[in-house]
Amino acid sequence: MKEISPPRPPAGLPHRRLCLAADVEQYSRLDTRTQSAVQSELVRMLDEAAALSGLDRAAWTRQPQGDLEFAVLPETTPEDAVLGPFVHHLAVRLRDCNARPAAQRVRLRMAVDTGVVADAALGHAGPAPVAVARYVNAPQLKVVLATLATADLAVIVSDRLYQDVVRSGRQDLDPAQYVRAHVRVKEFGGYGWIRVPGHGPQDVRSAVAEAPVPMPSPDAGAPSRTTLSQYVHQGAAVGRDVVGGLTIGLPVAPPPAGSGPAR
């Protein structure tokens, strides 16, 4: 009797996939020839880091964007291999590249998330591609790389990946090396965890504390129910929410005594 194969899912059906974005810092300041050389270096380093980590780059669905590569990885990709060995080998490749005499220094911001992804006319659609695009442009990640001048790579992973993978005790992953940041970019808001290979969490934490916190847009909807406590430090209000997140902004005056909640 002939075995009947199960029906294939229709093309474009959403799947849960790992998404990654690697963005070159201060790329727009380079001239055309140097930009071209940096793009080649970025592809080479990503290829080598993947090969050394046992990842098949040929199976990645990649969207090059000049100074940035966005990639959707195969469903079978081990997430700990990306967050552990791949990040390690990429940091080593960057260090070696930047140690060459007269080489143009290449510094990267990288963001990783997992979630629903669907093929679309211009690439991919779904919450994970959007989240990765926002995470890689997080003000905290940019400030960390700008502040830690000797760092070549700053990585941010979504809270989902941190909780499910980093904290699970997987090999090569140390939860203590990650620092939490509340990311708000455009309409996106969520927690991410930042790690800088070669730098301890205290260095990262100090840099994150210097990052500006964008105010929500007027059409962002109702304010969060998260309770904040505040104190003033050097002319800025520093608040911690009930689960430990750090926010920094202008001092907020306390409401007049006896006044009720704003209406």
C-alpha atoms as a PDB file:
ATOM      1  CA  MET A   1       0.000   0.000   0.000  1.00  0.00           C
ATOM      2  CA  LYS A   2       1.376   3.365  -0.985  1.00  0.00           C
ATOM      3  CA  GLU A   3       2.163   5.629   1.947  1.00  0.00           C
ATOM      4  CA  ILE A   4       0.324   8.946   1.821  1.00  0.00           C
ATOM      5  CA  SER A   5       2.456  11.973   2.667  1.00  0.00           C
ATOM      6  CA  PRO A   6       0.936  14.589   4.970  1.00  0.00           C
ATOM      7  CA  PRO A   7      -0.180  17.758   3.185  1.00  0.00           C
ATOM      8  CA  ARG A   8       2.357  20.568   3.083  1.00  0.00           C
ATOM      9  CA  PRO A   9       1.403  23.834   4.755  1.00  0.00           C
ATOM     10  CA  PRO A  10       0.558  26.611   2.297  1.00  0.00           C
ATOM     11  CA  ALA A  11       3.342  29.000   1.351  1.00  0.00           C
ATOM     12  CA  GLY A  12       3.567  32.041   3.584  1.00  0.00           C
ATOM     13  CA  LEU A  13       2.041  30.313   6.616  1.00  0.00           C
ATOM     14  CA  PRO A  14       3.468  31.873   9.802  1.00  0.00           C
ATOM     15  CA  HIS A  15       6.047  29.832  11.700  1.00  0.00           C
ATOM     16  CA  ARG A  16       7.889  30.459  14.957  1.00  0.00           C
ATOM     17  CA  ARG A  17      11.445  31.317  13.939  1.00  0.00           C
ATOM     18  CA  LEU A  18      14.595  32.879  15.343  1.00  0.00           C
ATOM     19  CA  CYS A  19      15.309  36.351  13.937  1.00  0.00           C
ATOM     20  CA  LEU A  20      18.620  38.217  14.058  1.00  0.00           C
ATOM     21  CA  ALA A  21      19.808  41.661  13.024  1.00  0.00           C
ATOM     22  CA  ALA A  22      23.420  42.873  12.928  1.00  0.00           C
ATOM     23  CA  ASP A  23      23.954  46.611  12.396  1.00  0.00           C
ATOM     24  CA  VAL A  24      27.261  48.406  11.794  1.00  0.00           C
ATOM     25  CA  GLU A  25      27.837  51.352  14.119  1.00  0.00           C
ATOM     26  CA  GLN A  26      28.419  54.787  12.477  1.00  0.00           C
ATOM     27  CA  TYR A  27      28.342  53.301   8.988  1.00  0.00           C
ATOM     28  CA  SER A  28      26.974  56.483   7.377  1.00  0.00           C
ATOM     29  CA  ARG A  29      30.146  58.378   8.300  1.00  0.00           C
ATOM     30  CA  LEU A  30      32.237  56.201   5.965  1.00  0.00           C
ATOM     31  CA  ASP A  31      32.993  56.966   2.328  1.00  0.00           C
ATOM     32  CA  THR A  32      31.630  54.760  -0.441  1.00  0.00           C
ATOM     33  CA  ARG A  33      34.728  52.599  -0.867  1.00  0.00           C
ATOM     34  CA  THR A  34      35.027  51.987   2.870  1.00  0.00           C
ATOM     35  CA  GLN A  35      31.322  51.175   3.148  1.00  0.00           C
ATOM     36  CA  SER A  36      31.746  48.518   0.471  1.00  0.00           C
ATOM     37  CA  ALA A  37      34.744  47.027   2.296  1.00  0.00           C
ATOM     38  CA  VAL A  38      32.880  47.013   5.617  1.00  0.00           C
ATOM     39  CA  GLN A  39      29.905  45.232   4.063  1.00  0.00           C
ATOM     40  CA  SER A  40      32.233  42.506   2.767  1.00  0.00           C
ATOM     41  CA  GLU A  41      33.873  42.191   6.185  1.00  0.00           C
ATOM     42  CA  LEU A  42      30.495  41.908   7.899  1.00  0.00           C
ATOM     43  CA  VAL A  43      29.346  39.081   5.626  1.00  0.00           C
ATOM     44  CA  ARG A  44      32.681  37.285   6.018  1.00  0.00           C
ATOM     45  CA  MET A  45      32.592  37.506   9.818  1.00  0.00           C
ATOM     46  CA  LEU A  46      28.984  36.341  10.037  1.00  0.00           C
ATOM     47  CA  ASP A  47      29.773  33.424   7.714  1.00  0.00           C
ATOM     48  CA  GLU A  48      32.827  32.385   9.735  1.00  0.00           C
ATOM     49  CA  ALA A  49      31.107  32.747  13.123  1.00  0.00           C
ATOM     50  CA  ALA A  50      28.192  30.628  11.913  1.00  0.00           C
ATOM     51  CA  ALA A  51      30.467  27.917  10.484  1.00  0.00           C
ATOM     52  CA  LEU A  52      32.475  27.716  13.704  1.00  0.00           C
ATOM     53  CA  SER A  53      29.207  27.391  15.670  1.00  0.00           C
ATOM     54  CA  GLY A  54      27.832  24.584  13.521  1.00  0.00           C
ATOM     55  CA  LEU A  55      25.187  26.829  11.902  1.00  0.00           C
ATOM     56  CA  ASP A  56      24.374  26.657   8.189  1.00  0.00           C
ATOM     57  CA  ARG A  57      24.340  30.221   6.890  1.00  0.00           C
ATOM     58  CA  ALA A  58      23.200  28.978   3.486  1.00  0.00           C
ATOM     59  CA  ALA A  59      19.872  28.058   5.108  1.00  0.00           C
ATOM     60  CA  TRP A  60      19.347  31.544   6.580  1.00  0.00           C
ATOM     61  CA  THR A  61      16.839  33.767   4.799  1.00  0.00           C
ATOM     62  CA  ARG A  62      18.787  37.008   4.664  1.00  0.00           C
ATOM     63  CA  GLN A  63      17.764  40.585   3.907  1.00  0.00           C
ATOM     64  CA  PRO A  64      20.907  42.704   3.448  1.00  0.00           C
ATOM     65  CA  GLN A  65      20.303  46.427   4.003  1.00  0.00           C
ATOM     66  CA  GLY A  66      23.722  48.010   3.489  1.00  0.00           C
ATOM     67  CA  ASP A  67      24.945  48.548   7.021  1.00  0.00           C
ATOM     68  CA  LEU A  68      22.584  45.917   8.424  1.00  0.00           C
ATOM     69  CA  GLU A  69      21.750  42.289   7.808  1.00  0.00           C
ATOM     70  CA  PHE A  70      18.409  40.926   8.961  1.00  0.00           C
ATOM     71  CA  ALA A  71      18.066  37.135   8.904  1.00  0.00           C
ATOM     72  CA  VAL A  72      15.393  34.565   9.643  1.00  0.00           C
ATOM     73  CA  LEU A  73      16.968  31.293  10.739  1.00  0.00           C
ATOM     74  CA  PRO A  74      15.667  27.769  10.090  1.00  0.00           C
ATOM     75  CA  GLU A  75      13.137  26.336  12.540  1.00  0.00           C
ATOM     76  CA  THR A  76      15.630  23.681  13.647  1.00  0.00           C
ATOM     77  CA  THR A  77      18.278  26.239  14.703  1.00  0.00           C
ATOM     78  CA  PRO A  78      19.386  25.662  18.326  1.00  0.00           C
ATOM     79  CA  GLU A  79      18.810  28.972  20.060  1.00  0.00           C
ATOM     80  CA  ASP A  80      21.591  28.415  22.596  1.00  0.00           C
ATOM     81  CA  ALA A  81      24.085  27.933  19.738  1.00  0.00           C
ATOM     82  CA  VAL A  82      23.227  31.409  18.458  1.00  0.00           C
ATOM     83  CA  LEU A  83      23.293  33.160  21.836  1.00  0.00           C
ATOM     84  CA  GLY A  84      26.410  31.301  22.994  1.00  0.00           C
ATOM     85  CA  PRO A  85      29.000  30.067  20.455  1.00  0.00           C
ATOM     86  CA  PHE A  86      27.853  32.272  17.563  1.00  0.00           C
ATOM     87  CA  VAL A  87      28.090  35.455  19.627  1.00  0.00           C
ATOM     88  CA  HIS A  88      31.462  34.352  20.999  1.00  0.00           C
ATOM     89  CA  HIS A  89      32.952  33.593  17.578  1.00  0.00           C
ATOM     90  CA  LEU A  90      31.570  36.801  16.103  1.00  0.00           C
ATOM     91  CA  ALA A  91      33.193  38.821  18.903  1.00  0.00           C
ATOM     92  CA  VAL A  92      36.522  37.077  18.218  1.00  0.00           C
ATOM     93  CA  ARG A  93      36.231  37.726  14.463  1.00  0.00           C
ATOM     94  CA  LEU A  94      35.547  41.404  15.158  1.00  0.00           C
ATOM     95  CA  ARG A  95      38.501  41.659  17.527  1.00  0.00           C
ATOM     96  CA  ASP A  96      40.842  40.079  14.993  1.00  0.00           C
ATOM     97  CA  CYS A  97      39.518  42.265  12.176  1.00  0.00           C
ATOM     98  CA  ASN A  98      39.951  45.447  14.184  1.00  0.00           C
ATOM     99  CA  ALA A  99      43.470  44.477  15.297  1.00  0.00           C
ATOM    100  CA  ARG A 100      44.799  44.548  11.746  1.00  0.00           C
ATOM    101  CA  PRO A 101      47.054  47.527  10.942  1.00  0.00           C
ATOM    102  CA  ALA A 102      45.211  50.387   9.229  1.00  0.00           C
ATOM    103  CA  ALA A 103      41.950  48.412   9.230  1.00  0.00           C
ATOM    104  CA  GLN A 104      38.656  50.281   9.375  1.00  0.00           C
ATOM    105  CA  ARG A 105      37.205  49.450  12.757  1.00  0.00           C
ATOM    106  CA  VAL A 106      33.909  47.568  12.602  1.00  0.00           C
ATOM    107  CA  ARG A 107      31.600  47.682  15.632  1.00  0.00           C
ATOM    108  CA  LEU A 108      28.246  45.929  15.714  1.00  0.00           C
ATOM    109  CA  ARG A 109      24.920  46.110  17.488  1.00  0.00           C
ATOM    110  CA  MET A 110      23.090  42.797  17.332  1.00  0.00           C
ATOM    111  CA  ALA A 111      19.518  41.914  18.306  1.00  0.00           C
ATOM    112  CA  VAL A 112      17.934  38.448  18.562  1.00  0.00           C
ATOM    113  CA  ASP A 113      14.312  37.447  19.156  1.00  0.00           C
ATOM    114  CA  THR A 114      12.047  34.502  18.426  1.00  0.00           C
ATOM    115  CA  GLY A 115       8.432  34.590  17.385  1.00  0.00           C
ATOM    116  CA  VAL A 116       5.928  34.374  14.569  1.00  0.00           C
ATOM    117  CA  VAL A 117       7.324  35.095  11.098  1.00  0.00           C
ATOM    118  CA  ALA A 118       5.547  34.930   7.737  1.00  0.00           C
ATOM    119  CA  ASP A 119       6.872  35.440   4.224  1.00  0.00           C
ATOM    120  CA  ALA A 120       5.688  38.696   2.696  1.00  0.00           C
ATOM    121  CA  ALA A 121       6.019  40.658  -0.542  1.00  0.00           C
ATOM    122  CA  LEU A 122       8.877  42.819   0.777  1.00  0.00           C
ATOM    123  CA  GLY A 123      10.553  40.173   2.938  1.00  0.00           C
ATOM    124  CA  HIS A 124       8.936  39.074   6.182  1.00  0.00           C
ATOM    125  CA  ALA A 125       5.989  40.022   8.355  1.00  0.00           C
ATOM    126  CA  GLY A 126       5.158  39.271  11.965  1.00  0.00           C
ATOM    127  CA  PRO A 127       5.935  40.424  15.495  1.00  0.00           C
ATOM    128  CA  ALA A 128       9.448  38.945  15.650  1.00  0.00           C
ATOM    129  CA  PRO A 129      10.899  40.854  12.640  1.00  0.00           C
ATOM    130  CA  VAL A 130       9.376  44.081  13.984  1.00  0.00           C
ATOM    131  CA  ALA A 131      10.728  43.460  17.486  1.00  0.00           C
ATOM    132  CA  VAL A 132      14.255  42.744  16.210  1.00  0.00           C
ATOM    133  CA  ALA A 133      14.231  45.966  14.173  1.00  0.00           C
ATOM    134  CA  ARG A 134      13.266  47.910  17.302  1.00  0.00           C
ATOM    135  CA  TYR A 135      15.687  46.127  19.629  1.00  0.00           C
ATOM    136  CA  VAL A 136      18.700  46.731  17.381  1.00  0.00           C
ATOM    137  CA  ASN A 137      17.899  50.463  17.461  1.00  0.00           C
ATOM    138  CA  ALA A 138      17.283  50.610  21.208  1.00  0.00           C
ATOM    139  CA  PRO A 139      18.763  53.802  22.726  1.00  0.00           C
ATOM    140  CA  GLN A 140      20.278  51.719  25.537  1.00  0.00           C
ATOM    141  CA  LEU A 141      22.126  49.474  23.092  1.00  0.00           C
ATOM    142  CA  LYS A 142      23.505  52.470  21.199  1.00  0.00           C
ATOM    143  CA  VAL A 143      24.628  54.186  24.379  1.00  0.00           C
ATOM    144  CA  VAL A 144      26.294  51.019  25.666  1.00  0.00           C
ATOM    145  CA  LEU A 145      28.385  50.692  22.508  1.00  0.00           C
ATOM    146  CA  ALA A 146      29.214  54.411  22.507  1.00  0.00           C
ATOM    147  CA  THR A 147      30.177  54.386  26.191  1.00  0.00           C
ATOM    148  CA  LEU A 148      32.256  51.193  26.196  1.00  0.00           C
ATOM    149  CA  ALA A 149      34.838  52.415  23.705  1.00  0.00           C
ATOM    150  CA  THR A 150      36.847  49.176  23.676  1.00  0.00           C
ATOM    151  CA  ALA A 151      33.821  47.009  22.885  1.00  0.00           C
ATOM    152  CA  ASP A 152      33.322  45.712  19.353  1.00  0.00           C
ATOM    153  CA  LEU A 153      29.944  44.027  19.867  1.00  0.00           C
ATOM    154  CA  ALA A 154      26.843  44.744  21.934  1.00  0.00           C
ATOM    155  CA  VAL A 155      24.035  42.182  21.916  1.00  0.00           C
ATOM    156  CA  ILE A 156      20.434  42.514  23.031  1.00  0.00           C
ATOM    157  CA  VAL A 157      18.067  39.556  23.315  1.00  0.00           C
ATOM    158  CA  SER A 158      14.351  39.686  23.917  1.00  0.00           C
ATOM    159  CA  ASP A 159      12.945  38.974  27.350  1.00  0.00           C
ATOM    160  CA  ARG A 160      11.329  35.836  25.905  1.00  0.00           C
ATOM    161  CA  LEU A 161      14.703  34.440  24.800  1.00  0.00           C
ATOM    162  CA  TYR A 162      16.342  35.434  28.060  1.00  0.00           C
ATOM    163  CA  GLN A 163      13.712  33.690  30.165  1.00  0.00           C
ATOM    164  CA  ASP A 164      13.392  30.585  27.967  1.00  0.00           C
ATOM    165  CA  VAL A 165      17.007  30.046  26.917  1.00  0.00           C
ATOM    166  CA  VAL A 166      19.545  32.108  28.880  1.00  0.00           C
ATOM    167  CA  ARG A 167      18.092  31.316  32.306  1.00  0.00           C
ATOM    168  CA  SER A 168      17.624  27.627  31.539  1.00  0.00           C
ATOM    169  CA  GLY A 169      21.224  26.777  32.402  1.00  0.00           C
ATOM    170  CA  ARG A 170      22.320  26.052  28.842  1.00  0.00           C
ATOM    171  CA  GLN A 171      26.045  25.672  28.232  1.00  0.00           C
ATOM    172  CA  ASP A 172      27.974  28.883  27.425  1.00  0.00           C
ATOM    173  CA  LEU A 173      25.154  31.115  28.709  1.00  0.00           C
ATOM    174  CA  ASP A 174      25.541  33.032  31.971  1.00  0.00           C
ATOM    175  CA  PRO A 175      22.398  34.967  32.980  1.00  0.00           C
ATOM    176  CA  ALA A 176      24.476  37.203  35.263  1.00  0.00           C
ATOM    177  CA  GLN A 177      26.221  38.724  32.221  1.00  0.00           C
ATOM    178  CA  TYR A 178      22.992  40.249  30.916  1.00  0.00           C
ATOM    179  CA  VAL A 179      21.511  43.580  32.004  1.00  0.00           C
ATOM    180  CA  ARG A 180      17.823  44.321  31.584  1.00  0.00           C
ATOM    181  CA  ALA A 181      16.627  47.425  29.747  1.00  0.00           C
ATOM    182  CA  HIS A 182      13.151  48.712  29.024  1.00  0.00           C
ATOM    183  CA  VAL A 183      13.122  49.463  25.294  1.00  0.00           C
ATOM    184  CA  ARG A 184      10.717  51.933  23.746  1.00  0.00           C
ATOM    185  CA  VAL A 185      11.215  52.634  20.022  1.00  0.00           C
ATOM    186  CA  LYS A 186       8.356  54.109  17.974  1.00  0.00           C
ATOM    187  CA  GLU A 187       5.221  52.149  18.898  1.00  0.00           C
ATOM    188  CA  PHE A 188       7.199  49.234  20.337  1.00  0.00           C
ATOM    189  CA  GLY A 189       7.754  48.759  24.038  1.00  0.00           C
ATOM    190  CA  GLY A 190       9.262  45.780  25.830  1.00  0.00           C
ATOM    191  CA  TYR A 191      12.133  44.454  27.910  1.00  0.00           C
ATOM    192  CA  GLY A 192      15.430  43.316  26.442  1.00  0.00           C
ATOM    193  CA  TRP A 193      18.638  41.999  27.960  1.00  0.00           C
ATOM    194  CA  ILE A 194      22.011  43.452  26.940  1.00  0.00           C
ATOM    195  CA  ARG A 195      25.340  41.668  26.989  1.00  0.00           C
ATOM    196  CA  VAL A 196      28.732  42.980  25.846  1.00  0.00           C
ATOM    197  CA  PRO A 197      31.369  40.256  25.305  1.00  0.00           C
ATOM    198  CA  GLY A 198      34.550  41.170  27.146  1.00  0.00           C
ATOM    199  CA  HIS A 199      32.794  43.531  29.571  1.00  0.00           C
ATOM    200  CA  GLY A 200      31.183  42.748  32.888  1.00  0.00           C
ATOM    201  CA  PRO A 201      27.544  43.482  33.743  1.00  0.00           C
ATOM    202  CA  GLN A 202      28.478  46.409  35.977  1.00  0.00           C
ATOM    203  CA  ASP A 203      30.039  48.239  33.019  1.00  0.00           C
ATOM    204  CA  VAL A 204      26.930  47.543  30.963  1.00  0.00           C
ATOM    205  CA  ARG A 205      24.608  48.559  33.791  1.00  0.00           C
ATOM    206  CA  SER A 206      26.387  51.900  34.214  1.00  0.00           C
ATOM    207  CA  ALA A 207      26.122  52.588  30.480  1.00  0.00           C
ATOM    208  CA  VAL A 208      22.437  51.609  30.349  1.00  0.00           C
ATOM    209  CA  ALA A 209      21.731  54.076  33.156  1.00  0.00           C
ATOM    210  CA  GLU A 210      23.054  56.884  30.930  1.00  0.00           C
ATOM    211  CA  ALA A 211      20.646  56.146  28.062  1.00  0.00           C
ATOM    212  CA  PRO A 212      17.755  58.554  27.438  1.00  0.00           C
ATOM    213  CA  VAL A 213      14.282  57.159  27.963  1.00  0.00           C
ATOM    214  CA  PRO A 214      11.934  58.237  25.143  1.00  0.00           C
ATOM    215  CA  MET A 215       8.549  59.472  26.254  1.00  0.00           C
ATOM    216  CA  PRO A 216       5.523  57.591  24.879  1.00  0.00           C
ATOM    217  CA  SER A 217       3.763  59.286  21.973  1.00  0.00           C
ATOM    218  CA  PRO A 218       0.351  60.902  22.635  1.00  0.00           C
ATOM    219  CA  ASP A 219      -1.385  58.124  20.674  1.00  0.00           C
ATOM    220  CA  ALA A 220       0.431  55.310  22.454  1.00  0.00           C
ATOM    221  CA  GLY A 221      -2.693  54.452  24.445  1.00  0.00           C
ATOM    222  CA  ALA A 222      -3.328  54.255  28.142  1.00  0.00           C
ATOM    223  CA  PRO A 223      -0.333  54.487  30.470  1.00  0.00           C
ATOM    224  CA  SER A 224       1.108  51.324  31.951  1.00  0.00           C
ATOM    225  CA  ARG A 225      -0.261  50.106  35.266  1.00  0.00           C
ATOM    226  CA  THR A 226       3.291  49.456  36.466  1.00  0.00           C
ATOM    227  CA  THR A 227       3.899  51.201  39.760  1.00  0.00           C
ATOM    228  CA  LEU A 228       6.976  53.428  39.873  1.00  0.00           C
ATOM    229  CA  SER A 229       8.956  54.722  42.799  1.00  0.00           C
ATOM    230  CA  GLN A 230      11.189  57.730  42.180  1.00  0.00           C
ATOM    231  CA  TYR A 231      14.049  59.590  43.729  1.00  0.00           C
ATOM    232  CA  VAL A 232      16.095  62.479  42.372  1.00  0.00           C
ATOM    233  CA  HIS A 233      19.763  61.888  41.563  1.00  0.00           C
ATOM    234  CA  GLN A 234      21.892  64.712  40.133  1.00  0.00           C
ATOM    235  CA  GLY A 235      18.908  66.573  38.725  1.00  0.00           C
ATOM    236  CA  ALA A 236      17.168  63.567  37.173  1.00  0.00           C
ATOM    237  CA  ALA A 237      14.353  61.424  38.448  1.00  0.00           C
ATOM    238  CA  VAL A 238      15.432  57.819  38.679  1.00  0.00           C
ATOM    239  CA  GLY A 239      12.593  55.336  39.023  1.00  0.00           C
ATOM    240  CA  ARG A 240      12.404  51.594  39.546  1.00  0.00           C
ATOM    241  CA  ASP A 241       9.306  49.664  38.710  1.00  0.00           C
ATOM    242  CA  VAL A 242       8.049  46.853  40.892  1.00  0.00           C
ATOM    243  CA  VAL A 243      10.111  44.260  38.999  1.00  0.00           C
ATOM    244  CA  GLY A 244      13.372  46.172  39.002  1.00  0.00           C
ATOM    245  CA  GLY A 245      13.411  48.026  35.689  1.00  0.00           C
ATOM    246  CA  LEU A 246      15.296  51.311  35.617  1.00  0.00           C
ATOM    247  CA  THR A 247      13.926  54.521  34.110  1.00  0.00           C
ATOM    248  CA  ILE A 248      15.613  57.901  34.033  1.00  0.00           C
ATOM    249  CA  GLY A 249      14.065  61.252  33.187  1.00  0.00           C
ATOM    250  CA  LEU A 250      13.404  64.756  34.444  1.00  0.00           C
ATOM    251  CA  PRO A 251      12.346  65.139  38.057  1.00  0.00           C
ATOM    252  CA  VAL A 252       8.612  64.691  38.589  1.00  0.00           C
ATOM    253  CA  ALA A 253       7.042  66.925  41.216  1.00  0.00           C
ATOM    254  CA  PRO A 254       4.859  65.112  43.749  1.00  0.00           C
ATOM    255  CA  PRO A 255       1.111  65.873  43.583  1.00  0.00           C
ATOM    256  CA  PRO A 256      -0.270  68.487  46.017  1.00  0.00           C
ATOM    257  CA  ALA A 257      -1.256  67.091  49.401  1.00  0.00           C
ATOM    258  CA  GLY A 258      -4.812  65.884  49.466  1.00  0.00           C
ATOM    259  CA  SER A 259      -5.258  65.948  45.711  1.00  0.00           C
ATOM    260  CA  GLY A 260      -6.977  63.016  44.087  1.00  0.00           C
ATOM    261  CA  PRO A 261      -5.947  61.141  40.981  1.00  0.00           C
ATOM    262  CA  ALA A 262      -5.773  63.051  37.716  1.00  0.00           C
ATOM    263  CA  ARG A 263      -8.896  62.850  35.590  1.00  0.00           C
END
